[in-house]
N, C-alpha and C. Protein backbone atom coordinates (compact mmCIF):
# COMPACT_ATOMS: atom_id res chain seq x y z
N MET A 1 137.53 105.12 105.21
CA MET A 1 135.98 105.10 106.44
C MET A 1 135.21 103.71 105.34
N ILE A 2 134.85 103.23 106.24
CA ILE A 2 133.78 102.22 106.13
C ILE A 2 132.37 102.47 106.27
N SER A 3 131.54 102.54 104.45
CA SER A 3 130.44 102.60 104.46
C SER A 3 129.35 101.05 104.78
N GLU A 4 128.31 101.55 105.17
CA GLU A 4 127.11 100.51 105.48
C GLU A 4 126.45 100.47 104.64
N ARG A 5 126.31 99.32 104.12
CA ARG A 5 125.23 98.78 103.03
C ARG A 5 123.80 98.29 103.76
N LYS A 6 122.68 98.98 103.01
CA LYS A 6 121.77 98.98 103.49
C LYS A 6 121.07 97.20 103.52
N GLU A 7 120.73 96.59 104.29
CA GLU A 7 120.03 95.26 104.13
C GLU A 7 118.92 95.52 103.21
N LYS A 8 118.74 94.78 102.08
CA LYS A 8 117.40 94.42 101.56
C LYS A 8 115.90 94.55 102.15
N GLN A 9 114.82 95.12 101.96
CA GLN A 9 113.87 94.70 102.89
C GLN A 9 113.18 93.38 102.29
N PHE A 10 113.14 92.28 101.91
CA PHE A 10 112.21 91.63 101.64
C PHE A 10 111.81 90.48 102.28
N ASP A 11 110.33 90.23 102.38
CA ASP A 11 110.39 89.35 103.31
C ASP A 11 109.60 88.18 102.27
N GLU A 12 110.20 86.81 102.09
CA GLU A 12 109.89 85.75 101.03
C GLU A 12 108.86 85.46 101.22
N SER A 13 108.45 85.33 102.57
CA SER A 13 107.23 84.42 102.33
C SER A 13 106.14 85.25 102.13
N GLN A 14 105.96 86.81 102.81
CA GLN A 14 104.99 87.90 102.08
C GLN A 14 104.91 87.36 100.87
N TYR A 15 105.79 87.46 99.83
CA TYR A 15 106.42 87.55 98.32
C TYR A 15 105.35 86.21 97.90
N GLU A 16 105.85 85.35 98.78
CA GLU A 16 104.86 84.20 97.70
C GLU A 16 103.63 83.96 98.50
N ILE A 17 103.14 84.24 99.38
CA ILE A 17 101.58 84.23 99.58
C ILE A 17 101.18 85.26 98.63
N LEU A 18 101.55 86.59 97.85
CA LEU A 18 100.97 87.64 97.36
C LEU A 18 101.20 86.46 96.04
N ILE A 19 102.34 86.13 95.69
CA ILE A 19 102.51 85.45 94.65
C ILE A 19 100.98 84.14 93.92
N LYS A 20 100.73 83.68 95.16
CA LYS A 20 100.28 82.40 95.07
C LYS A 20 98.85 83.10 94.81
N CYS A 21 98.60 83.86 95.20
CA CYS A 21 97.11 84.18 95.67
C CYS A 21 97.16 85.34 93.52
N SER A 22 97.94 85.93 93.49
CA SER A 22 97.76 86.52 92.21
C SER A 22 98.09 85.56 91.29
N ASP A 23 98.90 84.20 91.18
CA ASP A 23 98.54 83.71 90.22
C ASP A 23 97.00 82.72 90.39
N LYS A 24 96.32 82.87 91.35
CA LYS A 24 95.21 81.88 91.04
C LYS A 24 93.90 83.10 90.66
N GLY A 25 94.29 84.39 90.55
CA GLY A 25 93.52 85.59 90.36
C GLY A 25 92.72 85.98 91.52
N ASP A 26 92.96 85.51 92.40
CA ASP A 26 92.40 85.54 93.84
C ASP A 26 92.51 86.23 95.44
N LEU A 27 92.80 87.34 95.40
CA LEU A 27 93.56 87.86 96.67
C LEU A 27 93.05 87.57 97.75
N THR A 28 92.08 87.22 98.00
CA THR A 28 91.52 86.81 98.98
C THR A 28 92.45 86.48 100.68
N GLN A 29 92.92 85.52 100.17
CA GLN A 29 93.95 84.73 101.09
C GLN A 29 94.71 85.94 101.56
N TRP A 30 95.63 86.76 100.95
CA TRP A 30 96.67 87.80 100.59
C TRP A 30 95.83 88.83 101.83
N ASN A 31 94.51 89.24 101.34
CA ASN A 31 93.85 90.51 102.64
C ASN A 31 93.61 89.97 103.62
N GLN A 32 93.14 88.41 103.58
CA GLN A 32 93.00 88.21 104.97
C GLN A 32 94.32 88.25 106.18
N TRP A 33 95.25 87.77 105.27
CA TRP A 33 96.67 87.79 106.20
C TRP A 33 96.82 89.37 106.53
N ARG A 34 96.75 90.46 105.38
CA ARG A 34 96.98 91.50 105.93
C ARG A 34 95.84 91.72 106.94
N GLU A 35 94.40 91.40 107.11
CA GLU A 35 93.67 92.44 108.32
C GLU A 35 94.16 91.35 109.69
N ASN A 36 94.36 90.51 109.28
CA ASN A 36 95.31 89.49 110.75
C ASN A 36 96.78 90.40 110.97
N ASN A 37 97.79 90.97 110.07
CA ASN A 37 98.41 91.09 110.50
C ASN A 37 98.89 93.02 110.16
N GLN A 38 98.02 93.34 110.74
CA GLN A 38 98.03 95.02 110.32
C GLN A 38 99.72 95.72 110.95
N LYS A 39 100.19 95.44 111.97
CA LYS A 39 101.04 95.93 112.35
C LYS A 39 102.31 95.62 111.85
N VAL A 40 102.14 94.23 110.86
CA VAL A 40 103.79 93.85 110.18
C VAL A 40 103.73 94.53 108.81
N SER A 41 105.39 95.21 108.81
CA SER A 41 105.58 95.60 107.77
C SER A 41 105.49 94.46 106.82
N ILE A 42 105.04 95.52 104.88
CA ILE A 42 105.67 94.80 103.96
C ILE A 42 106.77 95.08 102.97
N LEU A 43 106.92 94.05 103.52
CA LEU A 43 108.67 93.93 102.84
C LEU A 43 108.84 93.11 101.14
N LEU A 44 108.78 94.09 100.50
CA LEU A 44 108.44 93.55 98.96
C LEU A 44 109.98 94.37 98.17
N GLU A 45 111.00 94.87 98.76
CA GLU A 45 111.84 95.83 98.10
C GLU A 45 112.39 94.80 97.15
N GLY A 46 112.76 95.11 95.85
CA GLY A 46 113.00 94.46 95.12
C GLY A 46 112.59 93.50 94.31
N ALA A 47 110.85 93.60 94.67
CA ALA A 47 110.38 92.01 94.31
C ALA A 47 110.15 92.61 92.82
N ASN A 48 109.61 91.28 92.08
CA ASN A 48 109.52 91.39 90.68
C ASN A 48 108.23 90.39 90.30
N PHE A 49 107.08 91.53 90.18
CA PHE A 49 106.05 91.50 89.40
C PHE A 49 105.48 90.69 87.91
N ILE A 50 105.48 90.01 87.33
CA ILE A 50 105.30 89.95 85.85
C ILE A 50 103.75 89.74 85.60
N SER A 51 103.18 90.44 85.33
CA SER A 51 101.86 89.81 85.18
C SER A 51 101.27 89.42 86.52
N ALA A 52 101.80 90.45 87.26
CA ALA A 52 101.08 89.95 89.11
C ALA A 52 100.12 90.58 88.98
N ASN A 53 98.95 89.51 88.59
CA ASN A 53 97.52 90.26 88.86
C ASN A 53 96.74 90.36 90.66
N LEU A 54 96.88 91.93 91.18
CA LEU A 54 96.51 92.53 92.16
C LEU A 54 95.59 93.21 92.31
N ALA A 55 94.59 92.60 91.42
CA ALA A 55 93.09 93.44 91.46
C ALA A 55 92.60 92.65 93.32
N GLY A 56 92.38 93.98 93.61
CA GLY A 56 91.68 94.07 95.32
C GLY A 56 92.98 93.56 96.28
N ALA A 57 94.15 93.70 95.31
CA ALA A 57 95.15 93.13 96.66
C ALA A 57 95.04 94.85 97.51
N ASP A 58 95.64 94.43 98.67
CA ASP A 58 96.01 95.95 99.76
C ASP A 58 97.42 95.87 99.98
N LEU A 59 97.98 96.76 99.47
CA LEU A 59 99.32 97.12 100.12
C LEU A 59 99.71 98.28 100.33
N TRP A 60 98.67 98.36 101.21
CA TRP A 60 98.57 99.66 102.11
C TRP A 60 100.35 99.01 103.39
N LYS A 61 101.48 100.36 103.17
CA LYS A 61 102.67 100.87 103.78
C LYS A 61 103.28 99.84 103.68
N ALA A 62 103.32 99.34 101.67
CA ALA A 62 104.70 98.49 101.57
C ALA A 62 105.46 98.82 101.13
N ASN A 63 106.35 98.48 101.63
CA ASN A 63 107.91 98.69 100.72
C ASN A 63 108.23 98.38 99.56
N LEU A 64 107.90 99.39 98.51
CA LEU A 64 107.85 98.59 96.99
C LEU A 64 109.50 99.16 96.64
N GLN A 65 110.18 99.43 97.13
CA GLN A 65 111.44 100.15 96.44
C GLN A 65 112.12 99.33 96.13
N GLY A 66 112.52 99.52 94.49
CA GLY A 66 113.23 99.03 93.23
C GLY A 66 112.20 98.04 93.30
N THR A 67 110.76 97.78 93.42
CA THR A 67 109.93 96.85 92.80
C THR A 67 109.67 97.18 91.55
N LYS A 68 109.50 95.71 90.67
CA LYS A 68 109.01 96.04 89.27
C LYS A 68 107.56 95.38 88.96
N ILE A 69 106.74 95.95 88.58
CA ILE A 69 105.24 95.67 88.86
C ILE A 69 104.98 96.03 87.37
N ILE A 70 105.26 94.67 86.67
CA ILE A 70 105.15 95.17 84.99
C ILE A 70 103.72 94.55 84.75
N ALA A 71 102.89 94.93 83.52
CA ALA A 71 102.00 94.50 83.46
C ALA A 71 100.85 93.98 84.44
N ALA A 72 100.54 94.85 85.08
CA ALA A 72 99.61 94.27 86.64
C ALA A 72 98.04 94.57 86.15
N ILE A 73 97.46 93.65 86.52
CA ILE A 73 96.35 93.69 86.87
C ILE A 73 95.38 94.60 88.06
N VAL A 74 94.82 95.45 87.76
CA VAL A 74 94.14 96.22 88.87
C VAL A 74 93.29 96.81 88.44
N ASP A 75 92.41 96.79 90.03
CA ASP A 75 91.12 97.43 89.76
C ASP A 75 90.67 98.14 90.99
N ARG A 76 89.84 98.53 90.73
CA ARG A 76 89.15 99.23 92.24
C ARG A 76 89.17 98.98 93.49
N GLN A 77 89.16 97.78 94.01
CA GLN A 77 89.59 97.16 94.75
C GLN A 77 91.27 97.28 95.25
N THR A 78 91.85 97.94 94.52
CA THR A 78 93.41 97.54 94.69
C THR A 78 93.43 98.75 95.69
N PHE A 79 94.49 98.81 96.57
CA PHE A 79 95.17 99.85 97.41
C PHE A 79 96.43 100.01 97.23
N ILE A 80 96.91 100.86 97.16
CA ILE A 80 98.27 101.19 97.13
C ILE A 80 98.67 102.58 97.64
N TRP A 81 98.95 102.45 98.99
CA TRP A 81 98.92 103.92 99.64
C TRP A 81 99.57 104.14 100.79
N ASP A 82 100.66 105.06 101.17
CA ASP A 82 101.33 105.39 101.89
C ASP A 82 102.36 104.33 101.68
N CYS A 83 102.88 104.08 100.40
CA CYS A 83 104.14 103.14 100.65
C CYS A 83 105.10 103.71 99.95
N ASP A 84 106.48 103.32 100.53
CA ASP A 84 107.39 103.55 100.51
C ASP A 84 108.24 102.93 98.60
N PHE A 85 108.60 103.92 98.06
CA PHE A 85 109.24 103.58 96.31
C PHE A 85 110.34 104.28 96.47
N ASP A 86 111.18 104.47 95.08
CA ASP A 86 112.00 105.02 95.04
C ASP A 86 112.31 105.40 93.13
N GLU A 87 112.94 105.71 92.83
CA GLU A 87 112.50 105.98 90.97
C GLU A 87 113.58 104.33 90.64
N GLN A 88 113.60 103.64 91.03
CA GLN A 88 114.01 102.30 90.60
C GLN A 88 112.81 101.85 90.51
N THR A 89 111.52 101.74 91.62
CA THR A 89 110.08 100.77 91.50
C THR A 89 109.41 101.56 90.08
N VAL A 90 108.79 100.51 89.18
CA VAL A 90 108.31 100.74 88.01
C VAL A 90 107.03 99.87 88.24
N PHE A 91 106.10 100.25 88.02
CA PHE A 91 104.70 99.66 88.12
C PHE A 91 103.65 100.69 86.47
N THR A 92 103.79 99.65 85.80
CA THR A 92 102.72 99.48 85.09
C THR A 92 101.68 98.55 84.83
N GLY A 93 100.47 99.05 84.01
CA GLY A 93 99.73 97.90 83.91
C GLY A 93 98.10 98.26 83.48
N LYS A 94 97.32 97.29 83.46
CA LYS A 94 96.00 97.35 82.90
C LYS A 94 95.31 97.91 84.22
N GLY A 95 94.48 98.72 83.97
CA GLY A 95 93.52 99.31 85.20
C GLY A 95 93.91 100.54 86.06
N LEU A 96 95.24 100.81 85.89
CA LEU A 96 95.86 101.65 86.98
C LEU A 96 94.86 103.18 87.50
N TYR A 97 93.97 103.79 86.65
CA TYR A 97 93.75 104.53 86.98
C TYR A 97 92.03 104.18 87.43
N LEU A 98 91.78 103.25 87.95
CA LEU A 98 90.80 102.24 88.81
C LEU A 98 91.36 102.38 90.27
N ALA A 99 92.77 101.87 90.31
CA ALA A 99 93.64 101.49 91.37
C ALA A 99 93.47 103.04 92.73
N LYS A 100 93.29 102.73 94.08
CA LYS A 100 93.45 103.39 94.89
C LYS A 100 95.12 103.85 94.84
N ILE A 101 95.59 104.70 94.45
CA ILE A 101 97.30 104.77 94.59
C ILE A 101 97.01 106.14 94.63
N GLU A 102 98.02 106.27 95.92
CA GLU A 102 98.40 107.67 96.38
C GLU A 102 98.78 108.37 95.80
N PRO A 103 98.76 109.84 95.64
CA PRO A 103 99.34 110.94 94.91
C PRO A 103 100.61 110.43 94.33
N ARG A 104 101.78 110.58 95.47
CA ARG A 104 103.06 110.56 95.07
C ARG A 104 103.59 109.53 94.29
N LEU A 105 103.08 108.14 94.20
CA LEU A 105 103.10 107.22 93.34
C LEU A 105 102.50 107.66 92.04
N LYS A 106 101.46 108.04 91.73
CA LYS A 106 100.37 108.04 90.90
C LYS A 106 101.60 109.07 89.60
N GLU A 107 102.15 109.76 90.47
CA GLU A 107 102.81 111.12 89.66
C GLU A 107 104.00 110.54 89.27
N SER A 108 104.75 109.36 90.16
CA SER A 108 105.82 108.23 89.67
C SER A 108 105.27 107.77 88.06
N LEU A 109 104.63 107.30 88.02
CA LEU A 109 103.80 106.68 87.35
C LEU A 109 104.12 107.39 85.95
N LYS A 110 104.04 108.48 85.89
CA LYS A 110 104.01 109.42 84.57
C LYS A 110 105.74 109.24 83.96
N ILE A 111 106.71 108.41 85.13
CA ILE A 111 107.76 108.47 84.13
C ILE A 111 107.94 107.14 83.43
N ASN A 112 107.12 106.19 83.82
CA ASN A 112 107.54 104.93 83.71
C ASN A 112 105.43 104.25 82.90
N PRO A 113 105.43 104.59 81.93
CA PRO A 113 103.54 104.57 81.62
C PRO A 113 103.45 102.99 81.24
N ALA A 114 102.40 103.16 81.32
CA ALA A 114 101.89 101.45 81.03
C ALA A 114 102.24 101.36 79.15
């Protein structure tokens, strides 16, 4: 029996926009792109964000399976809701209590505390 290997769901262009905005500390371009592409799936599976400034980022419905978001900076405007994540997803950072994070993901954050 041949087992099918699931293709990683990762979009390099989305990742590059988010990293560029994060590096600048200004998520305006990312959020404008999200507003203009509401039906496009956010595919960040397996992405690594180290010290990734996500203050104000809209990650609604993003695929965050296996994503490592370490030492993230988030705020009250950060929206992480209805995302796909798994036991490999790590999310630590400053201000997590401020962000709008769905309850399922908040529960998993207890496994990977900041």
